[in-house]
Amino acid sequence: MGKITGFIDYKRKSYSYKKKEERIKNYNEFIILRSENELRNQGARCMDCGIPFCHSAGCPVFNLIPDWNDLVYRNKWREAYEQLERTNNLPEITGRVCPAPCESACTLSINTSPVTIKQIELAIIENAFKKGWVEPKSPFTETGKKVAIVGSGPAGLSAAQQLRRSGHKVVVFEKDFKPGGILRYGIPDFKLEKKVIDRRLEQMEREGITFETDVIIGEDLSAHYLRKTFDAILLTVGAGEPRNLDVPGRGFEGIHFAMDYLKKSNKYISGELNEREIINAKNKVVLVIGGGDTGSDCVGTANRQGAREVYQFEILPKPRIWKEEWNPEWPEWPAILRTSTSHEEGCKREWSILTKKFTGRGIKLERVHCAKVEWTKNEKTKKMKMVEIPGSEFTLKVDMVFLAMGFLHTEHNRLLKHLGILFDKTGNINIDSKYSTNVPGVFAAGDASMGASLVVNAIYHGREAAREINNYLIK
């Protein structure tokens, strides 16, 4: 694939970003893609490795990465798009927000820098939209079967498109005013502008998919109605139950779940809320508790709102600092320190910090009380144990705290109760190998059944669930 000596002839050149001083003034995307000629050189770095670990071990949707790398190198952009479209319904999303485990698994990562797979993927799909190649695909025949999909996140959208192309009538129900789920309301615009989602939704609507928004299934429409009206139901409602911090003072005004903060910010940017209705960090000292992507998104949003200072505390130990280009844990995802673009825009980060309590005056938050901890591993069980370091207590004066500590499981709402859905030991929807729940004709996919995970995992499980639902409907 690519040029035989491409990985020797060309150095890795990923996309660049607008300067942080410029980008924090707005919520626009700030990625700058390389020129087509430079992207061809990057595609040439794909080395015909024999066993494409990027495809088999790194990519959850099994993208045909070596194929479209080679096609880009040979300037066959349309053919590259056709290969990309075979495995991924939302490459414009993964090309922006996926952490790219494919690059960690790239064979070049054994001892040098990997191919810029994520950049090439994004360039392929953006070029395809620009050239008008992304067109609706109508089914060859209509089956007369109807499928209801509850939730319009990445799993729901991917399943909807696959099922519609198989000839089924598909209705996607969304509780919010616009479809997109976590893609629209959970990811900030500076990482994913919503016109990107709208562009794909237009294609799906032209394919015949119906979107019913501002509808809460179980309240506005009953579970009984869904079972009576549709031949199959797919639940893609996400993992919406956030992990709380049960410490003294949790009820003070100024402590918010991260997703509540991000959702209101996104609605403000789209014009669904006014400035008085959002959680505003302007001129505030902000603490984000939790070191993952959601926490990073809170950091970037707070900076754009004009926060005075932003801190981020993580209870886990600081990952090792790794400045080499190669992957020390190839082909696995390496446990190394990562600094996001939001962190670069302004954030004081600390690790191994335990939050013990909050204090304030009246109902208003004023301080967070913390301590440093030490982590040790039990050599027999290999489990990590946390021990508070004596005398390490400290306080931080804050105005606002965002809890970004992940999600426990899907919300156990009225819909799932009325359907009689059973849950697994983690609290997520229990499914079998065919994505079927305990209720005949009711399926589940995405974070609702596997727990909070990557967008690319949700896309894969949505596609797989669609395949099983299609088999169920046409048997």
Protein backbone atom coordinates (compact mmCIF):
# COMPACT_ATOMS: atom_id res chain seq x y z
CA MET A 1 0.00 0.00 0.00
CA GLY A 2 1.14 3.54 -0.62
CA LYS A 3 4.70 4.08 -1.68
CA ILE A 4 7.13 1.31 -0.75
CA THR A 5 9.59 3.75 0.77
CA GLY A 6 6.98 6.33 1.77
CA PHE A 7 7.44 5.91 5.51
CA ILE A 8 11.16 6.60 4.97
CA ASP A 9 10.76 9.44 2.49
CA TYR A 10 8.09 11.43 4.35
CA LYS A 11 7.81 12.52 7.95
CA ARG A 12 4.50 12.43 9.76
CA LYS A 13 2.61 15.72 9.40
CA SER A 14 -0.76 15.84 11.10
CA TYR A 15 -3.17 18.72 10.88
CA SER A 16 -2.40 21.96 12.67
CA TYR A 17 -4.57 24.30 14.72
CA LYS A 18 -5.36 27.98 14.80
CA LYS A 19 -3.53 29.85 17.56
CA LYS A 20 -5.14 29.43 20.96
CA GLU A 21 -5.41 33.22 21.43
CA GLU A 22 -7.62 33.32 18.34
CA ARG A 23 -9.68 30.16 18.80
CA ILE A 24 -10.85 30.81 22.38
CA LYS A 25 -12.69 33.90 21.14
CA ASN A 26 -15.38 31.73 19.56
CA TYR A 27 -16.79 28.20 19.41
CA ASN A 28 -15.77 27.42 15.85
CA GLU A 29 -13.67 24.43 14.84
CA PHE A 30 -9.99 25.28 14.54
CA ILE A 31 -8.44 22.28 12.73
CA ILE A 32 -6.36 23.14 9.64
CA LEU A 33 -6.01 20.20 7.25
CA ARG A 34 -2.95 19.71 5.09
CA SER A 35 -3.04 20.33 1.34
CA GLU A 36 -4.07 17.50 -0.97
CA ASN A 37 -0.46 17.05 -2.08
CA GLU A 38 0.74 16.78 1.53
CA LEU A 39 -2.08 14.36 2.31
CA ARG A 40 -1.00 12.18 -0.60
CA ASN A 41 2.47 12.02 0.94
CA GLN A 42 0.94 11.07 4.28
CA GLY A 43 -1.03 8.29 2.59
CA ALA A 44 2.22 7.12 0.99
CA ARG A 45 3.60 6.40 4.48
CA CYS A 46 1.26 3.37 4.75
CA MET A 47 3.86 0.65 4.43
CA ASP A 48 2.18 -2.53 3.10
CA CYS A 49 2.86 -4.13 6.49
CA GLY A 50 1.17 -7.44 5.64
CA ILE A 51 -1.00 -7.55 8.75
CA PRO A 52 -2.83 -4.22 9.08
CA PHE A 53 -3.15 -3.89 12.84
CA CYS A 54 -4.73 -0.46 12.30
CA HIS A 55 -7.69 -2.21 10.70
CA SER A 56 -7.87 -5.40 12.76
CA ALA A 57 -6.73 -4.37 16.24
CA GLY A 58 -7.11 -0.61 16.30
CA CYS A 59 -10.34 0.27 14.50
CA PRO A 60 -13.63 -0.79 16.14
CA VAL A 61 -15.56 -0.43 12.85
CA PHE A 62 -12.82 -2.24 10.89
CA ASN A 63 -12.24 0.61 8.46
CA LEU A 64 -10.32 -0.46 5.35
CA ILE A 65 -7.50 1.88 6.28
CA PRO A 66 -4.65 0.58 4.09
CA ASP A 67 -6.96 0.61 1.08
CA TRP A 68 -7.98 4.24 1.34
CA ASN A 69 -4.50 5.34 2.36
CA ASP A 70 -3.24 3.87 -0.91
CA LEU A 71 -6.07 5.43 -2.92
CA VAL A 72 -5.34 8.88 -1.48
CA TYR A 73 -1.66 8.42 -2.34
CA ARG A 74 -2.68 7.59 -5.91
CA ASN A 75 -5.01 10.63 -6.00
CA LYS A 76 -8.15 8.48 -6.29
CA TRP A 77 -10.26 10.41 -3.81
CA ARG A 78 -13.66 9.17 -4.92
CA GLU A 79 -12.60 5.55 -4.68
CA ALA A 80 -11.13 6.32 -1.26
CA TYR A 81 -14.50 7.71 -0.14
CA GLU A 82 -16.31 4.63 -1.46
CA GLN A 83 -14.04 2.39 0.63
CA LEU A 84 -14.48 4.55 3.71
CA GLU A 85 -18.26 4.63 3.34
CA ARG A 86 -18.45 0.84 3.31
CA THR A 87 -17.66 0.54 7.01
CA ASN A 88 -18.47 3.86 8.66
CA ASN A 89 -21.73 5.80 8.52
CA LEU A 90 -20.26 8.85 10.27
CA PRO A 91 -16.62 9.32 9.21
CA GLU A 92 -16.98 13.10 9.49
CA ILE A 93 -17.65 12.52 13.21
CA THR A 94 -14.89 9.99 13.90
CA GLY A 95 -12.47 12.06 11.82
CA ARG A 96 -13.02 14.85 14.33
CA VAL A 97 -13.59 13.31 17.77
CA CYS A 98 -12.29 9.73 17.71
CA PRO A 99 -9.05 9.33 19.74
CA ALA A 100 -7.67 7.23 16.86
CA PRO A 101 -6.75 3.87 18.40
CA CYS A 102 -5.94 2.89 14.80
CA GLU A 103 -2.88 5.13 14.92
CA SER A 104 -1.67 3.55 18.15
CA ALA A 105 -1.99 0.14 16.44
CA CYS A 106 -0.27 1.25 13.19
CA THR A 107 2.71 -1.01 12.52
CA LEU A 108 4.93 2.05 12.15
CA SER A 109 4.19 2.80 15.81
CA ILE A 110 6.49 -0.05 16.82
CA ASN A 111 9.50 2.24 16.43
CA THR A 112 8.47 5.46 14.70
CA SER A 113 5.50 7.79 14.13
CA PRO A 114 2.27 6.28 12.73
CA VAL A 115 0.37 7.21 9.61
CA THR A 116 -1.95 10.21 10.10
CA ILE A 117 -4.99 7.98 9.67
CA LYS A 118 -7.47 10.28 11.41
CA GLN A 119 -6.44 13.29 9.33
CA ILE A 120 -6.70 11.31 6.09
CA GLU A 121 -10.14 9.98 7.06
CA LEU A 122 -11.40 13.49 7.73
CA ALA A 123 -9.92 14.79 4.49
CA ILE A 124 -11.57 12.00 2.48
CA ILE A 125 -15.07 12.64 3.79
CA GLU A 126 -14.79 16.43 3.64
CA ASN A 127 -13.61 16.17 0.06
CA ALA A 128 -16.53 13.84 -0.70
CA PHE A 129 -19.06 16.31 0.70
CA LYS A 130 -17.39 19.16 -1.16
CA LYS A 131 -17.51 17.28 -4.47
CA GLY A 132 -21.14 16.15 -3.99
CA TRP A 133 -20.34 12.45 -3.77
CA VAL A 134 -22.25 11.92 -0.51
CA GLU A 135 -25.69 11.20 -1.92
CA PRO A 136 -28.80 9.50 -0.54
CA LYS A 137 -28.98 5.75 -1.08
CA SER A 138 -32.52 4.50 -1.40
CA PRO A 139 -33.29 0.81 -0.80
CA PHE A 140 -33.84 -1.44 -3.81
CA THR A 141 -37.06 -2.80 -2.32
CA GLU A 142 -39.42 -1.97 0.53
CA THR A 143 -40.05 -4.68 3.11
CA GLY A 144 -43.12 -3.11 4.69
CA LYS A 145 -41.55 -3.51 8.14
CA LYS A 146 -41.31 -0.61 10.59
CA VAL A 147 -38.54 -0.01 13.12
CA ALA A 148 -38.56 2.51 15.97
CA ILE A 149 -35.21 3.77 17.19
CA VAL A 150 -35.22 5.55 20.53
CA GLY A 151 -32.24 7.91 20.71
CA SER A 152 -30.41 9.70 17.91
CA GLY A 153 -26.78 9.48 19.00
CA PRO A 154 -24.09 7.73 16.93
CA ALA A 155 -25.47 4.22 17.54
CA GLY A 156 -29.02 5.24 16.66
CA LEU A 157 -28.05 7.16 13.54
CA SER A 158 -25.82 4.37 12.22
CA ALA A 159 -28.48 1.74 12.84
CA ALA A 160 -31.16 3.92 11.26
CA GLN A 161 -29.23 4.35 8.05
CA GLN A 162 -28.37 0.66 7.76
CA LEU A 163 -31.96 -0.42 8.42
CA ARG A 164 -33.41 2.07 5.97
CA ARG A 165 -31.02 0.94 3.26
CA SER A 166 -32.26 -2.61 3.90
CA GLY A 167 -35.76 -1.46 2.95
CA HIS A 168 -37.41 -0.94 6.34
CA LYS A 169 -39.33 2.16 7.37
CA VAL A 170 -37.40 3.81 10.19
CA VAL A 171 -38.58 6.39 12.70
CA VAL A 172 -36.01 7.86 15.09
CA PHE A 173 -37.38 9.35 18.30
CA GLU A 174 -35.36 12.00 20.14
CA LYS A 175 -36.26 13.67 23.46
CA ASP A 176 -34.46 16.92 22.60
CA PHE A 177 -35.53 19.53 20.06
CA LYS A 178 -33.00 18.45 17.45
CA PRO A 179 -31.57 15.01 16.55
CA GLY A 180 -27.97 14.08 17.23
CA GLY A 181 -27.97 13.05 20.87
CA ILE A 182 -24.59 13.35 22.54
CA LEU A 183 -23.05 14.46 19.24
CA ARG A 184 -25.18 17.59 19.25
CA TYR A 185 -25.57 18.29 22.94
CA GLY A 186 -22.57 16.65 24.60
CA ILE A 187 -19.66 17.63 22.35
CA PRO A 188 -18.74 21.34 22.14
CA ASP A 189 -18.91 23.10 18.79
CA PHE A 190 -15.18 23.82 18.82
CA LYS A 191 -14.67 20.06 18.43
CA LEU A 192 -17.73 19.34 16.30
CA GLU A 193 -19.71 22.12 14.65
CA LYS A 194 -23.36 21.16 14.44
CA LYS A 195 -23.62 21.94 10.74
CA VAL A 196 -21.57 18.76 10.30
CA ILE A 197 -24.37 16.77 11.91
CA ASP A 198 -27.10 18.61 10.03
CA ARG A 199 -25.40 17.84 6.73
CA ARG A 200 -25.55 14.10 7.45
CA LEU A 201 -29.11 14.26 8.79
CA GLU A 202 -30.24 15.87 5.54
CA GLN A 203 -28.87 12.90 3.62
CA MET A 204 -30.63 10.47 5.98
CA GLU A 205 -33.95 12.29 5.66
CA ARG A 206 -33.66 12.17 1.87
CA GLU A 207 -33.12 8.43 2.19
CA GLY A 208 -36.53 8.24 3.88
CA ILE A 209 -35.68 8.18 7.59
CA THR A 210 -38.17 10.06 9.77
CA PHE A 211 -37.03 12.00 12.84
CA GLU A 212 -39.54 12.74 15.60
CA THR A 213 -38.00 15.21 18.05
CA ASP A 214 -39.12 16.66 21.38
CA VAL A 215 -40.74 13.30 22.13
CA ILE A 216 -40.09 11.42 25.37
CA ILE A 217 -40.99 7.78 24.87
CA GLY A 218 -42.66 6.52 28.02
CA GLU A 219 -44.26 9.91 28.64
CA ASP A 220 -45.37 11.59 25.40
CA LEU A 221 -45.75 8.21 23.70
CA SER A 222 -46.15 4.97 25.60
CA ALA A 223 -44.03 1.87 25.35
CA HIS A 224 -47.25 0.03 24.54
CA TYR A 225 -47.80 2.29 21.52
CA LEU A 226 -44.31 1.56 20.22
CA ARG A 227 -44.71 -2.21 20.54
CA LYS A 228 -48.14 -2.07 18.90
CA THR A 229 -47.07 0.18 16.00
CA PHE A 230 -43.58 -1.10 15.12
CA ASP A 231 -42.22 -4.50 14.17
CA ALA A 232 -38.99 -3.91 16.10
CA ILE A 233 -37.63 -1.39 18.58
CA LEU A 234 -34.00 -0.42 19.04
CA LEU A 235 -32.97 1.36 22.25
CA THR A 236 -29.97 3.63 21.77
CA VAL A 237 -30.59 5.92 24.72
CA GLY A 238 -26.99 6.26 25.87
CA ALA A 239 -25.40 5.95 29.30
CA GLY A 240 -26.94 9.02 30.85
CA GLU A 241 -26.64 8.36 34.59
CA PRO A 242 -23.64 10.45 35.73
CA ARG A 243 -21.34 9.36 38.55
CA ASN A 244 -22.02 11.60 41.52
CA LEU A 245 -19.62 12.78 44.23
CA ASP A 246 -21.22 11.86 47.55
CA VAL A 247 -19.31 14.11 49.93
CA PRO A 248 -20.41 16.73 52.48
CA GLY A 249 -21.49 19.98 50.83
CA ARG A 250 -22.47 18.41 47.51
CA GLY A 251 -25.72 20.37 47.53
CA PHE A 252 -24.13 23.83 47.44
CA GLU A 253 -25.14 26.10 44.58
CA GLY A 254 -22.39 26.13 41.96
CA ILE A 255 -21.73 22.37 41.73
CA HIS A 256 -22.94 20.87 38.45
CA PHE A 257 -22.70 17.68 36.46
CA ALA A 258 -20.44 18.24 33.45
CA MET A 259 -23.01 17.12 30.90
CA ASP A 260 -25.59 19.59 32.22
CA TYR A 261 -23.03 22.34 31.73
CA LEU A 262 -22.03 21.26 28.22
CA LYS A 263 -25.60 20.67 27.10
CA LYS A 264 -26.75 24.14 28.09
CA SER A 265 -23.69 25.70 26.49
CA ASN A 266 -24.37 23.89 23.22
CA LYS A 267 -28.01 24.93 23.30
CA TYR A 268 -26.93 28.54 23.81
CA ILE A 269 -24.58 28.36 20.82
CA SER A 270 -27.39 26.95 18.66
CA GLY A 271 -29.87 29.58 19.82
CA GLU A 272 -32.08 27.21 21.83
CA LEU A 273 -31.28 29.02 25.12
CA ASN A 274 -30.39 32.58 25.96
CA GLU A 275 -27.37 33.62 28.02
CA ARG A 276 -29.39 33.93 31.24
CA GLU A 277 -30.39 30.25 31.04
CA ILE A 278 -26.92 28.74 30.81
CA ILE A 279 -24.31 27.87 33.43
CA ASN A 280 -21.83 30.67 32.89
CA ALA A 281 -18.21 30.51 34.06
CA LYS A 282 -17.41 34.10 33.14
CA ASN A 283 -15.00 35.65 35.68
CA LYS A 284 -15.31 32.52 37.85
CA VAL A 285 -12.67 30.26 39.37
CA VAL A 286 -13.63 26.86 37.99
CA LEU A 287 -12.67 23.38 39.15
CA VAL A 288 -13.30 20.37 36.90
CA ILE A 289 -13.22 17.06 38.77
CA GLY A 290 -12.37 14.22 36.38
CA GLY A 291 -9.56 13.95 33.87
CA GLY A 292 -11.23 12.48 30.79
CA ASP A 293 -12.52 13.95 27.54
CA THR A 294 -15.68 15.32 29.12
CA GLY A 295 -13.61 17.16 31.70
CA SER A 296 -11.40 18.52 28.94
CA ASP A 297 -14.50 19.76 27.10
CA CYS A 298 -15.55 21.61 30.26
CA VAL A 299 -12.12 23.24 30.40
CA GLY A 300 -12.39 24.46 26.80
CA THR A 301 -15.92 25.75 27.32
CA ALA A 302 -15.02 27.58 30.55
CA ASN A 303 -12.09 29.27 28.81
CA ARG A 304 -14.36 30.46 26.01
CA GLN A 305 -16.85 31.81 28.52
CA GLY A 306 -14.10 33.88 30.11
CA ALA A 307 -13.32 31.98 33.32
CA ARG A 308 -10.77 33.69 35.56
CA GLU A 309 -8.94 30.46 36.40
CA VAL A 310 -9.53 26.82 35.49
CA TYR A 311 -8.32 23.81 37.49
CA GLN A 312 -8.72 20.12 36.74
CA PHE A 313 -8.27 17.46 39.44
CA GLU A 314 -8.03 13.73 38.78
CA ILE A 315 -8.09 11.11 41.52
CA LEU A 316 -5.96 8.64 39.52
CA PRO A 317 -2.17 8.97 39.37
CA LYS A 318 -0.49 11.05 36.69
CA PRO A 319 0.24 8.93 33.61
CA ARG A 320 3.82 8.66 32.48
CA ILE A 321 5.10 11.43 30.28
CA TRP A 322 5.95 10.11 26.82
CA LYS A 323 7.48 12.38 24.23
CA GLU A 324 8.64 9.75 21.75
CA GLU A 325 6.74 9.28 18.48
CA TRP A 326 6.44 5.50 18.84
CA ASN A 327 3.95 3.59 20.98
CA PRO A 328 5.49 1.97 24.10
CA GLU A 329 2.58 -0.47 24.36
CA TRP A 330 2.02 -1.26 20.69
CA PRO A 331 -0.52 -2.25 19.42
CA GLU A 332 -2.49 -1.42 22.57
CA TRP A 333 -3.71 2.04 23.55
CA PRO A 334 -0.82 3.43 25.63
CA ALA A 335 -1.33 4.73 29.17
CA ILE A 336 0.56 8.00 28.69
CA LEU A 337 -0.08 11.62 29.56
CA ARG A 338 -2.20 13.41 26.98
CA THR A 339 -2.66 17.15 26.77
CA SER A 340 -5.72 18.26 24.82
CA THR A 341 -6.10 21.50 22.90
CA SER A 342 -8.41 22.68 25.70
CA HIS A 343 -5.67 22.10 28.27
CA GLU A 344 -3.28 24.11 26.14
CA GLU A 345 -5.73 27.02 26.19
CA GLY A 346 -5.34 27.38 29.95
CA CYS A 347 -5.71 24.88 32.80
CA LYS A 348 -3.90 23.91 35.99
CA ARG A 349 -3.95 20.11 36.24
CA GLU A 350 -3.35 17.95 39.30
CA TRP A 351 -3.42 14.18 39.76
CA SER A 352 -3.92 11.85 42.75
CA ILE A 353 -6.30 14.35 44.35
CA LEU A 354 -9.16 13.19 46.58
CA THR A 355 -12.08 15.58 47.01
CA LYS A 356 -13.25 15.33 50.63
CA LYS A 357 -15.90 18.02 51.01
CA PHE A 358 -17.27 21.36 49.86
CA THR A 359 -17.98 24.35 52.06
CA GLY A 360 -19.68 27.67 51.48
CA ARG A 361 -21.75 30.47 52.87
CA GLY A 362 -25.51 30.15 52.88
CA ILE A 363 -26.28 28.09 49.78
CA LYS A 364 -23.30 29.35 47.77
CA LEU A 365 -20.15 27.28 47.20
CA GLU A 366 -16.87 28.88 48.34
CA ARG A 367 -14.23 26.19 48.86
CA VAL A 368 -13.31 22.64 48.01
CA HIS A 369 -11.35 20.59 50.55
CA CYS A 370 -8.97 17.99 49.16
CA ALA A 371 -6.10 15.67 50.05
CA LYS A 372 -3.34 14.00 48.08
CA VAL A 373 -3.38 10.23 47.73
CA GLU A 374 -0.88 7.52 46.86
CA TRP A 375 -1.63 4.53 44.67
CA THR A 376 -0.01 1.13 45.19
CA LYS A 377 -0.48 -2.14 43.35
CA ASN A 378 -1.07 -5.49 45.05
CA GLU A 379 1.37 -7.81 43.28
CA LYS A 380 -0.86 -10.85 43.82
CA THR A 381 -4.23 -9.43 42.77
CA LYS A 382 -2.77 -6.69 40.52
CA LYS A 383 -5.41 -4.34 41.94
CA MET A 384 -4.60 -0.72 42.71
CA LYS A 385 -5.15 0.60 46.22
CA MET A 386 -5.55 4.25 47.16
CA VAL A 387 -4.17 5.59 50.45
CA GLU A 388 -4.56 9.16 51.65
CA ILE A 389 -1.23 10.83 52.44
CA PRO A 390 -1.25 12.13 56.02
CA GLY A 391 -0.91 15.89 56.34
CA SER A 392 -1.58 16.49 52.63
CA GLU A 393 -4.94 18.23 53.06
CA PHE A 394 -5.47 21.53 51.29
CA THR A 395 -8.31 23.83 50.26
CA LEU A 396 -9.00 25.72 47.06
CA LYS A 397 -11.25 28.75 46.77
CA VAL A 398 -13.62 28.16 43.87
CA ASP A 399 -16.81 29.62 42.46
CA MET A 400 -17.93 26.71 40.33
CA VAL A 401 -17.31 22.93 40.16
CA PHE A 402 -18.08 20.58 37.29
CA LEU A 403 -18.29 16.85 38.00
CA ALA A 404 -16.87 14.96 35.02
CA MET A 405 -16.28 11.56 36.57
CA GLY A 406 -17.93 9.43 33.94
CA PHE A 407 -21.25 7.63 33.84
CA LEU A 408 -22.62 4.73 35.86
CA HIS A 409 -25.08 3.25 33.38
CA THR A 410 -28.10 4.05 31.25
CA GLU A 411 -30.94 5.94 32.91
CA HIS A 412 -33.53 3.58 34.36
CA ASN A 413 -36.44 5.60 33.06
CA ARG A 414 -40.14 4.99 32.64
CA LEU A 415 -39.75 3.59 29.13
CA LEU A 416 -37.41 0.81 30.21
CA LYS A 417 -39.59 0.07 33.23
CA HIS A 418 -42.78 -0.18 31.15
CA LEU A 419 -41.06 -2.39 28.57
CA GLY A 420 -39.88 -4.68 31.35
CA ILE A 421 -36.23 -4.43 30.32
CA LEU A 422 -33.70 -6.34 32.41
CA PHE A 423 -30.30 -4.86 33.27
CA ASP A 424 -26.88 -6.42 33.64
CA LYS A 425 -24.79 -6.24 36.82
CA THR A 426 -23.46 -2.79 35.83
CA GLY A 427 -26.95 -1.38 35.38
CA ASN A 428 -26.90 -1.24 31.59
CA ILE A 429 -29.47 -2.89 29.33
CA ASN A 430 -28.80 -6.62 29.20
CA ILE A 431 -28.51 -7.96 25.65
CA ASP A 432 -27.48 -11.25 24.06
CA SER A 433 -25.04 -11.77 21.19
CA LYS A 434 -27.73 -10.65 18.74
CA TYR A 435 -28.34 -7.33 20.55
CA SER A 436 -31.72 -8.60 21.72
CA THR A 437 -33.09 -7.71 25.16
CA ASN A 438 -35.27 -10.00 27.26
CA VAL A 439 -38.32 -8.51 25.50
CA PRO A 440 -39.03 -10.08 22.07
CA GLY A 441 -38.57 -7.60 19.25
CA VAL A 442 -36.77 -5.08 21.44
CA PHE A 443 -33.04 -4.56 20.87
CA ALA A 444 -30.40 -2.27 22.37
CA ALA A 445 -27.04 -0.92 21.23
CA GLY A 446 -24.42 1.69 21.98
CA ASP A 447 -23.68 3.08 25.42
CA ALA A 448 -27.09 1.97 26.70
CA SER A 449 -25.94 -1.64 26.63
CA MET A 450 -22.13 -1.46 26.76
CA GLY A 451 -21.63 1.53 29.05
CA ALA A 452 -20.03 4.86 28.21
CA SER A 453 -17.49 4.34 25.43
CA LEU A 454 -16.08 5.82 22.24
CA VAL A 455 -18.23 7.21 19.44
CA VAL A 456 -16.62 4.74 17.07
CA ASN A 457 -17.70 1.82 19.29
CA ALA A 458 -21.26 3.14 19.25
CA ILE A 459 -21.20 3.31 15.45
CA TYR A 460 -20.03 -0.29 15.21
CA HIS A 461 -22.63 -1.61 17.64
CA GLY A 462 -25.36 0.38 15.89
CA ARG A 463 -24.42 -1.21 12.59
CA GLU A 464 -24.25 -4.69 14.10
CA ALA A 465 -27.59 -4.26 15.85
CA ALA A 466 -29.12 -3.17 12.53
CA ARG A 467 -27.85 -6.35 10.91
CA GLU A 468 -29.43 -8.50 13.63
CA ILE A 469 -32.71 -6.57 13.49
CA ASN A 470 -32.81 -7.04 9.71
CA ASN A 471 -32.32 -10.79 10.16
CA TYR A 472 -35.09 -10.81 12.76
CA LEU A 473 -37.51 -8.95 10.47
CA ILE A 474 -36.97 -10.99 7.32
CA LYS A 475 -36.78 -14.48 8.83
